[in-house]
Amino acid sequence: IVKLRYIRQAYRQSASFTEFFWESRDFSEAFAKAKQLQGS
């Protein structure tokens, strides 16, 4: 159950980062967002 929760969190955060990355024009903004998503 714990591992399943970690995998779901990683999936959600990865989807969030990927969406933000493709909408972002600046790598430094994407880097700041990536620092917030430690589980991705």
PDB file of all heavy atoms in Angstrom:
ATOM      1  N   ILE A   1       0.836  -1.211   0.000  1.00  0.00           N
ATOM      2  CA  ILE A   1       0.000   0.000   0.000  1.00  0.00           C
ATOM      3  C   ILE A   1       0.865   1.253   0.000  1.00  0.00           C
ATOM      4  O   ILE A   1       0.597   2.213  -0.734  1.00  0.00           O
ATOM      5  CB  ILE A   1      -0.971  -0.031   1.199  1.00  0.00           C
ATOM      6  CG1 ILE A   1      -2.019  -1.120   0.968  1.00  0.00           C
ATOM      7  CG2 ILE A   1      -1.627   1.322   1.412  1.00  0.00           C
ATOM      8  CD1 ILE A   1      -2.870  -1.444   2.186  1.00  0.00           C
ATOM      9  N   VAL A   2       1.926   1.259   0.799  1.00  0.00           N
ATOM     10  CA  VAL A   2       2.821   2.423   0.836  1.00  0.00           C
ATOM     11  C   VAL A   2       3.481   2.638  -0.524  1.00  0.00           C
ATOM     12  O   VAL A   2       3.540   3.769  -1.035  1.00  0.00           O
ATOM     13  CB  VAL A   2       3.880   2.257   1.946  1.00  0.00           C
ATOM     14  CG1 VAL A   2       4.992   3.279   1.811  1.00  0.00           C
ATOM     15  CG2 VAL A   2       3.235   2.359   3.310  1.00  0.00           C
ATOM     16  N   LYS A   3       3.975   1.576  -1.127  1.00  0.00           N
ATOM     17  CA  LYS A   3       4.618   1.688  -2.446  1.00  0.00           C
ATOM     18  C   LYS A   3       3.622   2.155  -3.499  1.00  0.00           C
ATOM     19  O   LYS A   3       3.970   2.949  -4.375  1.00  0.00           O
ATOM     20  CB  LYS A   3       5.239   0.351  -2.864  1.00  0.00           C
ATOM     21  CG  LYS A   3       6.394  -0.090  -2.031  1.00  0.00           C
ATOM     22  CD  LYS A   3       7.585   0.800  -2.250  1.00  0.00           C
ATOM     23  CE  LYS A   3       8.773   0.304  -1.478  1.00  0.00           C
ATOM     24  NZ  LYS A   3       9.960   1.113  -1.713  1.00  0.00           N
ATOM     25  N   LEU A   4       2.409   1.681  -3.423  1.00  0.00           N
ATOM     26  CA  LEU A   4       1.381   2.111  -4.371  1.00  0.00           C
ATOM     27  C   LEU A   4       1.128   3.607  -4.244  1.00  0.00           C
ATOM     28  O   LEU A   4       0.995   4.304  -5.252  1.00  0.00           O
ATOM     29  CB  LEU A   4       0.089   1.328  -4.148  1.00  0.00           C
ATOM     30  CG  LEU A   4      -1.067   1.608  -5.095  1.00  0.00           C
ATOM     31  CD1 LEU A   4      -0.676   1.258  -6.527  1.00  0.00           C
ATOM     32  CD2 LEU A   4      -2.291   0.831  -4.684  1.00  0.00           C
ATOM     33  N   ARG A   5       1.104   4.106  -3.016  1.00  0.00           N
ATOM     34  CA  ARG A   5       0.915   5.545  -2.803  1.00  0.00           C
ATOM     35  C   ARG A   5       2.079   6.339  -3.380  1.00  0.00           C
ATOM     36  O   ARG A   5       1.883   7.384  -3.996  1.00  0.00           O
ATOM     37  CB  ARG A   5       0.737   5.840  -1.315  1.00  0.00           C
ATOM     38  CG  ARG A   5      -0.581   5.307  -0.776  1.00  0.00           C
ATOM     39  CD  ARG A   5      -0.747   5.582   0.686  1.00  0.00           C
ATOM     40  NE  ARG A   5      -0.916   7.026   0.880  1.00  0.00           N
ATOM     41  CZ  ARG A   5      -0.676   7.638   2.020  1.00  0.00           C
ATOM     42  NH1 ARG A   5      -0.253   6.966   3.058  1.00  0.00           N
ATOM     43  NH2 ARG A   5      -0.868   8.926   2.125  1.00  0.00           N
ATOM     44  N   TYR A   6       3.326   5.849  -3.192  1.00  0.00           N
ATOM     45  CA  TYR A   6       4.496   6.521  -3.752  1.00  0.00           C
ATOM     46  C   TYR A   6       4.444   6.539  -5.278  1.00  0.00           C
ATOM     47  O   TYR A   6       4.770   7.546  -5.908  1.00  0.00           O
ATOM     48  CB  TYR A   6       5.793   5.841  -3.306  1.00  0.00           C
ATOM     49  CG  TYR A   6       6.234   6.211  -1.922  1.00  0.00           C
ATOM     50  CD1 TYR A   6       6.646   5.235  -1.029  1.00  0.00           C
ATOM     51  CD2 TYR A   6       6.253   7.531  -1.486  1.00  0.00           C
ATOM     52  CE1 TYR A   6       7.062   5.554   0.251  1.00  0.00           C
ATOM     53  CE2 TYR A   6       6.658   7.862  -0.208  1.00  0.00           C
ATOM     54  CZ  TYR A   6       7.067   6.873   0.644  1.00  0.00           C
ATOM     55  OH  TYR A   6       7.468   7.199   1.908  1.00  0.00           O
ATOM     56  N   ILE A   7       4.036   5.439  -5.875  1.00  0.00           N
ATOM     57  CA  ILE A   7       3.966   5.361  -7.335  1.00  0.00           C
ATOM     58  C   ILE A   7       2.900   6.310  -7.867  1.00  0.00           C
ATOM     59  O   ILE A   7       3.120   7.012  -8.868  1.00  0.00           O
ATOM     60  CB  ILE A   7       3.717   3.910  -7.790  1.00  0.00           C
ATOM     61  CG1 ILE A   7       4.962   3.069  -7.531  1.00  0.00           C
ATOM     62  CG2 ILE A   7       3.312   3.846  -9.253  1.00  0.00           C
ATOM     63  CD1 ILE A   7       4.773   1.585  -7.732  1.00  0.00           C
ATOM     64  N   ARG A   8       1.759   6.362  -7.217  1.00  0.00           N
ATOM     65  CA  ARG A   8       0.707   7.304  -7.645  1.00  0.00           C
ATOM     66  C   ARG A   8       1.171   8.742  -7.523  1.00  0.00           C
ATOM     67  O   ARG A   8       0.922   9.563  -8.403  1.00  0.00           O
ATOM     68  CB  ARG A   8      -0.559   7.092  -6.828  1.00  0.00           C
ATOM     69  CG  ARG A   8      -1.334   5.869  -7.240  1.00  0.00           C
ATOM     70  CD  ARG A   8      -2.614   5.770  -6.458  1.00  0.00           C
ATOM     71  NE  ARG A   8      -3.367   4.604  -6.865  1.00  0.00           N
ATOM     72  CZ  ARG A   8      -4.344   4.087  -6.171  1.00  0.00           C
ATOM     73  NH1 ARG A   8      -4.721   4.639  -5.032  1.00  0.00           N
ATOM     74  NH2 ARG A   8      -4.975   3.023  -6.605  1.00  0.00           N
ATOM     75  N   GLN A   9       1.849   9.069  -6.427  1.00  0.00           N
ATOM     76  CA  GLN A   9       2.365  10.422  -6.238  1.00  0.00           C
ATOM     77  C   GLN A   9       3.394  10.751  -7.320  1.00  0.00           C
ATOM     78  O   GLN A   9       3.373  11.840  -7.899  1.00  0.00           O
ATOM     79  CB  GLN A   9       3.013  10.563  -4.861  1.00  0.00           C
ATOM     80  CG  GLN A   9       3.640  11.925  -4.627  1.00  0.00           C
ATOM     81  CD  GLN A   9       4.434  11.985  -3.343  1.00  0.00           C
ATOM     82  OE1 GLN A   9       4.723  10.959  -2.719  1.00  0.00           O
ATOM     83  NE2 GLN A   9       4.784  13.174  -2.931  1.00  0.00           N
ATOM     84  N   ALA A  10       4.286   9.828  -7.615  1.00  0.00           N
ATOM     85  CA  ALA A  10       5.295  10.055  -8.647  1.00  0.00           C
ATOM     86  C   ALA A  10       4.638  10.260 -10.008  1.00  0.00           C
ATOM     87  O   ALA A  10       5.049  11.134 -10.779  1.00  0.00           O
ATOM     88  CB  ALA A  10       6.268   8.871  -8.708  1.00  0.00           C
ATOM     89  N   TYR A  11       3.614   9.479 -10.295  1.00  0.00           N
ATOM     90  CA  TYR A  11       2.914   9.620 -11.575  1.00  0.00           C
ATOM     91  C   TYR A  11       2.244  10.990 -11.674  1.00  0.00           C
ATOM     92  O   TYR A  11       2.375  11.679 -12.688  1.00  0.00           O
ATOM     93  CB  TYR A  11       1.880   8.507 -11.732  1.00  0.00           C
ATOM     94  CG  TYR A  11       1.114   8.606 -13.025  1.00  0.00           C
ATOM     95  CD1 TYR A  11       1.680   8.179 -14.221  1.00  0.00           C
ATOM     96  CD2 TYR A  11      -0.162   9.142 -13.059  1.00  0.00           C
ATOM     97  CE1 TYR A  11       0.994   8.284 -15.417  1.00  0.00           C
ATOM     98  CE2 TYR A  11      -0.861   9.259 -14.245  1.00  0.00           C
ATOM     99  CZ  TYR A  11      -0.279   8.820 -15.424  1.00  0.00           C
ATOM    100  OH  TYR A  11      -0.959   8.951 -16.594  1.00  0.00           O
ATOM    101  N   ARG A  12       1.532  11.402 -10.628  1.00  0.00           N
ATOM    102  CA  ARG A  12       0.847  12.710 -10.643  1.00  0.00           C
ATOM    103  C   ARG A  12       1.847  13.855 -10.768  1.00  0.00           C
ATOM    104  O   ARG A  12       1.652  14.778 -11.557  1.00  0.00           O
ATOM    105  CB  ARG A  12       0.011  12.886  -9.385  1.00  0.00           C
ATOM    106  CG  ARG A  12      -1.319  12.176  -9.409  1.00  0.00           C
ATOM    107  CD  ARG A  12      -2.210  12.659  -8.272  1.00  0.00           C
ATOM    108  NE  ARG A  12      -1.550  12.614  -6.977  1.00  0.00           N
ATOM    109  CZ  ARG A  12      -1.649  11.601  -6.118  1.00  0.00           C
ATOM    110  NH1 ARG A  12      -2.391  10.577  -6.402  1.00  0.00           N
ATOM    111  NH2 ARG A  12      -1.010  11.635  -4.966  1.00  0.00           N
ATOM    112  N   GLN A  13       2.921  13.792  -9.994  1.00  0.00           N
ATOM    113  CA  GLN A  13       3.909  14.860 -10.052  1.00  0.00           C
ATOM    114  C   GLN A  13       4.638  14.886 -11.389  1.00  0.00           C
ATOM    115  O   GLN A  13       4.938  15.963 -11.906  1.00  0.00           O
ATOM    116  CB  GLN A  13       4.911  14.729  -8.905  1.00  0.00           C
ATOM    117  CG  GLN A  13       4.320  15.081  -7.567  1.00  0.00           C
ATOM    118  CD  GLN A  13       5.351  15.090  -6.456  1.00  0.00           C
ATOM    119  OE1 GLN A  13       6.541  14.902  -6.679  1.00  0.00           O
ATOM    120  NE2 GLN A  13       4.891  15.323  -5.236  1.00  0.00           N
ATOM    121  N   SER A  14       4.910  13.729 -11.959  1.00  0.00           N
ATOM    122  CA  SER A  14       5.562  13.688 -13.270  1.00  0.00           C
ATOM    123  C   SER A  14       4.656  14.264 -14.350  1.00  0.00           C
ATOM    124  O   SER A  14       5.113  15.008 -15.226  1.00  0.00           O
ATOM    125  CB  SER A  14       5.961  12.255 -13.626  1.00  0.00           C
ATOM    126  OG  SER A  14       6.996  11.817 -12.780  1.00  0.00           O
ATOM    127  N   ALA A  15       3.372  13.946 -14.278  1.00  0.00           N
ATOM    128  CA  ALA A  15       2.423  14.508 -15.247  1.00  0.00           C
ATOM    129  C   ALA A  15       2.340  16.022 -15.088  1.00  0.00           C
ATOM    130  O   ALA A  15       2.326  16.759 -16.087  1.00  0.00           O
ATOM    131  CB  ALA A  15       1.046  13.869 -15.071  1.00  0.00           C
ATOM    132  N   SER A  16       2.317  16.487 -13.851  1.00  0.00           N
ATOM    133  CA  SER A  16       2.274  17.926 -13.586  1.00  0.00           C
ATOM    134  C   SER A  16       3.527  18.617 -14.114  1.00  0.00           C
ATOM    135  O   SER A  16       3.445  19.663 -14.766  1.00  0.00           O
ATOM    136  CB  SER A  16       2.136  18.168 -12.085  1.00  0.00           C
ATOM    137  OG  SER A  16       2.259  19.530 -11.792  1.00  0.00           O
ATOM    138  N   PHE A  17       4.689  18.023 -13.874  1.00  0.00           N
ATOM    139  CA  PHE A  17       5.932  18.638 -14.349  1.00  0.00           C
ATOM    140  C   PHE A  17       6.013  18.630 -15.860  1.00  0.00           C
ATOM    141  O   PHE A  17       6.418  19.624 -16.473  1.00  0.00           O
ATOM    142  CB  PHE A  17       7.154  17.926 -13.765  1.00  0.00           C
ATOM    143  CG  PHE A  17       8.439  18.467 -14.315  1.00  0.00           C
ATOM    144  CD1 PHE A  17       8.905  19.702 -13.895  1.00  0.00           C
ATOM    145  CD2 PHE A  17       9.156  17.781 -15.280  1.00  0.00           C
ATOM    146  CE1 PHE A  17      10.074  20.231 -14.424  1.00  0.00           C
ATOM    147  CE2 PHE A  17      10.311  18.300 -15.806  1.00  0.00           C
ATOM    148  CZ  PHE A  17      10.783  19.526 -15.372  1.00  0.00           C
ATOM    149  N   THR A  18       5.641  17.530 -16.481  1.00  0.00           N
ATOM    150  CA  THR A  18       5.700  17.449 -17.941  1.00  0.00           C
ATOM    151  C   THR A  18       4.817  18.513 -18.576  1.00  0.00           C
ATOM    152  O   THR A  18       5.238  19.190 -19.528  1.00  0.00           O
ATOM    153  CB  THR A  18       5.273  16.041 -18.414  1.00  0.00           C
ATOM    154  OG1 THR A  18       6.119  15.071 -17.791  1.00  0.00           O
ATOM    155  CG2 THR A  18       5.373  15.913 -19.910  1.00  0.00           C
ATOM    156  N   GLU A  19       3.624  18.679 -18.047  1.00  0.00           N
ATOM    157  CA  GLU A  19       2.717  19.705 -18.567  1.00  0.00           C
ATOM    158  C   GLU A  19       3.330  21.095 -18.377  1.00  0.00           C
ATOM    159  O   GLU A  19       3.324  21.910 -19.297  1.00  0.00           O
ATOM    160  CB  GLU A  19       1.372  19.615 -17.857  1.00  0.00           C
ATOM    161  CG  GLU A  19       0.344  20.592 -18.373  1.00  0.00           C
ATOM    162  CD  GLU A  19      -0.984  20.434 -17.643  1.00  0.00           C
ATOM    163  OE1 GLU A  19      -1.293  19.326 -17.192  1.00  0.00           O
ATOM    164  OE2 GLU A  19      -1.690  21.451 -17.535  1.00  0.00           O
ATOM    165  N   PHE A  20       3.862  21.361 -17.193  1.00  0.00           N
ATOM    166  CA  PHE A  20       4.481  22.665 -16.929  1.00  0.00           C
ATOM    167  C   PHE A  20       5.693  22.883 -17.829  1.00  0.00           C
ATOM    168  O   PHE A  20       5.907  23.977 -18.354  1.00  0.00           O
ATOM    169  CB  PHE A  20       4.899  22.763 -15.459  1.00  0.00           C
ATOM    170  CG  PHE A  20       5.482  24.092 -15.096  1.00  0.00           C
ATOM    171  CD1 PHE A  20       4.650  25.156 -14.769  1.00  0.00           C
ATOM    172  CD2 PHE A  20       6.850  24.303 -15.098  1.00  0.00           C
ATOM    173  CE1 PHE A  20       5.178  26.394 -14.448  1.00  0.00           C
ATOM    174  CE2 PHE A  20       7.385  25.535 -14.784  1.00  0.00           C
ATOM    175  CZ  PHE A  20       6.542  26.580 -14.455  1.00  0.00           C
ATOM    176  N   PHE A  21       6.498  21.850 -18.018  1.00  0.00           N
ATOM    177  CA  PHE A  21       7.711  21.954 -18.838  1.00  0.00           C
ATOM    178  C   PHE A  21       7.376  22.359 -20.267  1.00  0.00           C
ATOM    179  O   PHE A  21       8.017  23.242 -20.843  1.00  0.00           O
ATOM    180  CB  PHE A  21       8.469  20.622 -18.824  1.00  0.00           C
ATOM    181  CG  PHE A  21       9.665  20.608 -19.739  1.00  0.00           C
ATOM    182  CD1 PHE A  21      10.852  21.193 -19.328  1.00  0.00           C
ATOM    183  CD2 PHE A  21       9.601  20.015 -20.990  1.00  0.00           C
ATOM    184  CE1 PHE A  21      11.962  21.178 -20.164  1.00  0.00           C
ATOM    185  CE2 PHE A  21      10.699  20.003 -21.824  1.00  0.00           C
ATOM    186  CZ  PHE A  21      11.887  20.581 -21.415  1.00  0.00           C
ATOM    187  N   TRP A  22       6.381  21.722 -20.860  1.00  0.00           N
ATOM    188  CA  TRP A  22       6.057  22.015 -22.259  1.00  0.00           C
ATOM    189  C   TRP A  22       5.383  23.379 -22.415  1.00  0.00           C
ATOM    190  O   TRP A  22       5.440  23.970 -23.487  1.00  0.00           O
ATOM    191  CB  TRP A  22       5.198  20.911 -22.851  1.00  0.00           C
ATOM    192  CG  TRP A  22       6.000  19.671 -23.085  1.00  0.00           C
ATOM    193  CD1 TRP A  22       5.840  18.478 -22.472  1.00  0.00           C
ATOM    194  CD2 TRP A  22       7.111  19.513 -23.981  1.00  0.00           C
ATOM    195  NE1 TRP A  22       6.781  17.580 -22.914  1.00  0.00           N
ATOM    196  CE2 TRP A  22       7.569  18.189 -23.852  1.00  0.00           C
ATOM    197  CE3 TRP A  22       7.768  20.354 -24.871  1.00  0.00           C
ATOM    198  CZ2 TRP A  22       8.650  17.704 -24.574  1.00  0.00           C
ATOM    199  CZ3 TRP A  22       8.843  19.865 -25.607  1.00  0.00           C
ATOM    200  CH2 TRP A  22       9.278  18.548 -25.450  1.00  0.00           C
ATOM    201  N   GLU A  23       4.759  23.889 -21.356  1.00  0.00           N
ATOM    202  CA  GLU A  23       4.142  25.220 -21.425  1.00  0.00           C
ATOM    203  C   GLU A  23       5.140  26.320 -21.088  1.00  0.00           C
ATOM    204  O   GLU A  23       4.933  27.475 -21.449  1.00  0.00           O
ATOM    205  CB  GLU A  23       2.955  25.303 -20.458  1.00  0.00           C
ATOM    206  CG  GLU A  23       1.783  24.450 -20.877  1.00  0.00           C
ATOM    207  CD  GLU A  23       0.677  24.427 -19.841  1.00  0.00           C
ATOM    208  OE1 GLU A  23       0.844  25.035 -18.763  1.00  0.00           O
ATOM    209  OE2 GLU A  23      -0.350  23.780 -20.107  1.00  0.00           O
ATOM    210  N   SER A  24       6.228  25.960 -20.401  1.00  0.00           N
ATOM    211  CA  SER A  24       7.212  26.945 -19.965  1.00  0.00           C
ATOM    212  C   SER A  24       8.152  27.304 -21.110  1.00  0.00           C
ATOM    213  O   SER A  24       8.479  26.481 -21.953  1.00  0.00           O
ATOM    214  CB  SER A  24       8.023  26.377 -18.799  1.00  0.00           C
ATOM    215  OG  SER A  24       9.030  27.273 -18.426  1.00  0.00           O
ATOM    216  N   ARG A  25       8.589  28.554 -21.107  1.00  0.00           N
ATOM    217  CA  ARG A  25       9.550  29.028 -22.120  1.00  0.00           C
ATOM    218  C   ARG A  25      10.948  29.175 -21.536  1.00  0.00           C
ATOM    219  O   ARG A  25      11.889  29.406 -22.264  1.00  0.00           O
ATOM    220  CB  ARG A  25       9.092  30.383 -22.672  1.00  0.00           C
ATOM    221  CG  ARG A  25       7.763  30.354 -23.350  1.00  0.00           C
ATOM    222  CD  ARG A  25       7.904  29.768 -24.724  1.00  0.00           C
ATOM    223  NE  ARG A  25       6.615  29.816 -25.410  1.00  0.00           N
ATOM    224  CZ  ARG A  25       6.218  28.896 -26.230  1.00  0.00           C
ATOM    225  NH1 ARG A  25       6.969  27.851 -26.468  1.00  0.00           N
ATOM    226  NH2 ARG A  25       5.054  28.989 -26.820  1.00  0.00           N
ATOM    227  N   ASP A  26      11.059  29.056 -20.226  1.00  0.00           N
ATOM    228  CA  ASP A  26      12.325  29.303 -19.556  1.00  0.00           C
ATOM    229  C   ASP A  26      12.712  28.073 -18.729  1.00  0.00           C
ATOM    230  O   ASP A  26      11.931  27.595 -17.907  1.00  0.00           O
ATOM    231  CB  ASP A  26      12.170  30.534 -18.657  1.00  0.00           C
ATOM    232  CG  ASP A  26      13.472  30.979 -18.034  1.00  0.00           C
ATOM    233  OD1 ASP A  26      14.536  30.494 -18.465  1.00  0.00           O
ATOM    234  OD2 ASP A  26      13.413  31.818 -17.121  1.00  0.00           O
ATOM    235  N   PHE A  27      13.931  27.590 -18.952  1.00  0.00           N
ATOM    236  CA  PHE A  27      14.396  26.420 -18.211  1.00  0.00           C
ATOM    237  C   PHE A  27      14.529  26.707 -16.719  1.00  0.00           C
ATOM    238  O   PHE A  27      14.352  25.812 -15.891  1.00  0.00           O
ATOM    239  CB  PHE A  27      15.732  25.921 -18.750  1.00  0.00           C
ATOM    240  CG  PHE A  27      15.612  25.093 -20.002  1.00  0.00           C
ATOM    241  CD1 PHE A  27      16.706  24.944 -20.832  1.00  0.00           C
ATOM    242  CD2 PHE A  27      14.445  24.449 -20.333  1.00  0.00           C
ATOM    243  CE1 PHE A  27      16.626  24.175 -21.981  1.00  0.00           C
ATOM    244  CE2 PHE A  27      14.345  23.684 -21.472  1.00  0.00           C
ATOM    245  CZ  PHE A  27      15.446  23.547 -22.298  1.00  0.00           C
ATOM    246  N   SER A  28      14.838  27.944 -16.350  1.00  0.00           N
ATOM    247  CA  SER A  28      14.984  28.247 -14.919  1.00  0.00           C
ATOM    248  C   SER A  28      13.642  28.143 -14.198  1.00  0.00           C
ATOM    249  O   SER A  28      13.580  27.731 -13.046  1.00  0.00           O
ATOM    250  CB  SER A  28      15.600  29.630 -14.720  1.00  0.00           C
ATOM    251  OG  SER A  28      14.788  30.632 -15.294  1.00  0.00           O
ATOM    252  N   GLU A  29      12.547  28.491 -14.884  1.00  0.00           N
ATOM    253  CA  GLU A  29      11.215  28.313 -14.299  1.00  0.00           C
ATOM    254  C   GLU A  29      10.907  26.822 -14.130  1.00  0.00           C
ATOM    255  O   GLU A  29      10.369  26.402 -13.109  1.00  0.00           O
ATOM    256  CB  GLU A  29      10.143  28.950 -15.177  1.00  0.00           C
ATOM    257  CG  GLU A  29      10.148  30.459 -15.196  1.00  0.00           C
ATOM    258  CD  GLU A  29       9.114  31.019 -16.166  1.00  0.00           C
ATOM    259  OE1 GLU A  29       8.283  30.239 -16.688  1.00  0.00           O
ATOM    260  OE2 GLU A  29       9.154  32.225 -16.389  1.00  0.00           O
ATOM    261  N   ALA A  30      11.255  26.054 -15.157  1.00  0.00           N
ATOM    262  CA  ALA A  30      11.032  24.611 -15.086  1.00  0.00           C
ATOM    263  C   ALA A  30      11.886  23.993 -13.968  1.00  0.00           C
ATOM    264  O   ALA A  30      11.444  23.079 -13.272  1.00  0.00           O
ATOM    265  CB  ALA A  30      11.347  23.955 -16.422  1.00  0.00           C
ATOM    266  N   PHE A  31      13.102  24.527 -13.780  1.00  0.00           N
ATOM    267  CA  PHE A  31      13.962  24.026 -12.718  1.00  0.00           C
ATOM    268  C   PHE A  31      13.355  24.326 -11.347  1.00  0.00           C
ATOM    269  O   PHE A  31      13.372  23.466 -10.452  1.00  0.00           O
ATOM    270  CB  PHE A  31      15.357  24.645 -12.831  1.00  0.00           C
ATOM    271  CG  PHE A  31      16.327  24.144 -11.810  1.00  0.00           C
ATOM    272  CD1 PHE A  31      16.844  22.860 -11.883  1.00  0.00           C
ATOM    273  CD2 PHE A  31      16.725  24.954 -10.758  1.00  0.00           C
ATOM    274  CE1 PHE A  31      17.731  22.394 -10.933  1.00  0.00           C
ATOM    275  CE2 PHE A  31      17.612  24.501  -9.804  1.00  0.00           C
ATOM    276  CZ  PHE A  31      18.119  23.218  -9.896  1.00  0.00           C
ATOM    277  N   ALA A  32      12.801  25.522 -11.183  1.00  0.00           N
ATOM    278  CA  ALA A  32      12.149  25.877  -9.915  1.00  0.00           C
ATOM    279  C   ALA A  32      10.961  24.966  -9.645  1.00  0.00           C
ATOM    280  O   ALA A  32      10.748  24.520  -8.518  1.00  0.00           O
ATOM    281  CB  ALA A  32      11.714  27.339  -9.948  1.00  0.00           C
ATOM    282  N   LYS A  33      10.190  24.678 -10.680  1.00  0.00           N
ATOM    283  CA  LYS A  33       9.044  23.767 -10.533  1.00  0.00           C
ATOM    284  C   LYS A  33       9.528  22.353 -10.203  1.00  0.00           C
ATOM    285  O   LYS A  33       8.948  21.662  -9.359  1.00  0.00           O
ATOM    286  CB  LYS A  33       8.209  23.771 -11.815  1.00  0.00           C
ATOM    287  CG  LYS A  33       7.015  22.862 -11.798  1.00  0.00           C
ATOM    288  CD  LYS A  33       5.929  23.393 -10.917  1.00  0.00           C
ATOM    289  CE  LYS A  33       4.662  22.580 -11.092  1.00  0.00           C
ATOM    290  NZ  LYS A  33       3.582  23.058 -10.244  1.00  0.00           N
ATOM    291  N   ALA A  34      10.618  21.944 -10.850  1.00  0.00           N
ATOM    292  CA  ALA A  34      11.163  20.603 -10.617  1.00  0.00           C
ATOM    293  C   ALA A  34      11.644  20.452  -9.179  1.00  0.00           C
ATOM    294  O   ALA A  34      11.536  19.373  -8.593  1.00  0.00           O
ATOM    295  CB  ALA A  34      12.288  20.313 -11.593  1.00  0.00           C
ATOM    296  N   LYS A  35      12.163  21.526  -8.589  1.00  0.00           N
ATOM    297  CA  LYS A  35      12.613  21.469  -7.197  1.00  0.00           C
ATOM    298  C   LYS A  35      11.444  21.273  -6.244  1.00  0.00           C
ATOM    299  O   LYS A  35      11.597  20.691  -5.175  1.00  0.00           O
ATOM    300  CB  LYS A  35      13.379  22.745  -6.844  1.00  0.00           C
ATOM    301  CG  LYS A  35      14.778  22.766  -7.436  1.00  0.00           C
ATOM    302  CD  LYS A  35      15.489  24.083  -7.241  1.00  0.00           C
ATOM    303  CE  LYS A  35      15.724  24.407  -5.798  1.00  0.00           C
ATOM    304  NZ  LYS A  35      16.511  25.652  -5.614  1.00  0.00           N
ATOM    305  N   GLN A  36      10.264  21.740  -6.630  1.00  0.00           N
ATOM    306  CA  GLN A  36       9.076  21.580  -5.789  1.00  0.00           C
ATOM    307  C   GLN A  36       8.531  20.153  -5.831  1.00  0.00           C
ATOM    308  O   GLN A  36       7.905  19.702  -4.880  1.00  0.00           O
ATOM    309  CB  GLN A  36       7.966  22.529  -6.245  1.00  0.00           C
ATOM    310  CG  GLN A  36       8.288  23.985  -6.078  1.00  0.00           C
ATOM    311  CD  GLN A  36       7.231  24.866  -6.712  1.00  0.00           C
ATOM    312  OE1 GLN A  36       6.263  24.384  -7.295  1.00  0.00           O
ATOM    313  NE2 GLN A  36       7.423  26.172  -6.598  1.00  0.00           N
ATOM    314  N   LEU A  37       8.769  19.451  -6.918  1.00  0.00           N
ATOM    315  CA  LEU A  37       8.199  18.110  -7.119  1.00  0.00           C
ATOM    316  C   LEU A  37       9.253  17.042  -6.822  1.00  0.00           C
ATOM    317  O   LEU A  37       9.803  16.422  -7.716  1.00  0.00           O
ATOM    318  CB  LEU A  37       7.668  17.984  -8.557  1.00  0.00           C
ATOM    319  CG  LEU A  37       6.616  19.015  -8.956  1.00  0.00           C
ATOM    320  CD1 LEU A  37       6.294  18.909 -10.438  1.00  0.00           C
ATOM    321  CD2 LEU A  37       5.362  18.844  -8.127  1.00  0.00           C
ATOM    322  N   GLN A  38       9.516  16.836  -5.543  1.00  0.00           N
ATOM    323  CA  GLN A  38      10.570  15.912  -5.122  1.00  0.00           C
ATOM    324  C   GLN A  38      10.248  14.445  -5.430  1.00  0.00           C
ATOM    325  O   GLN A  38      11.151  13.625  -5.540  1.00  0.00           O
ATOM    326  CB  GLN A  38      10.836  16.076  -3.624  1.00  0.00           C
ATOM    327  CG  GLN A  38      11.424  17.416  -3.259  1.00  0.00           C
ATOM    328  CD  GLN A  38      12.816  17.609  -3.813  1.00  0.00           C
ATOM    329  OE1 GLN A  38      13.615  16.685  -3.839  1.00  0.00           O
ATOM    330  NE2 GLN A  38      13.098  18.809  -4.282  1.00  0.00           N
ATOM    331  N   GLY A  39       8.971  14.105  -5.590  1.00  0.00           N
ATOM    332  CA  GLY A  39       8.594  12.716  -5.823  1.00  0.00           C
ATOM    333  C   GLY A  39       8.585  12.301  -7.280  1.00  0.00           C
ATOM    334  O   GLY A  39       8.365  11.142  -7.600  1.00  0.00           O
ATOM    335  N   SER A  40       8.851  13.246  -8.182  1.00  0.00           N
ATOM    336  CA  SER A  40       8.775  12.952  -9.614  1.00  0.00           C
ATOM    337  C   SER A  40      10.135  12.535 -10.164  1.00  0.00           C
ATOM    338  O   SER A  40      11.096  13.304 -10.104  1.00  0.00           O
ATOM    339  CB  SER A  40       8.289  14.190 -10.371  1.00  0.00           C
ATOM    340  OG  SER A  40       8.468  14.015 -11.764  1.00  0.00           O
TER     341      SER A  40
END
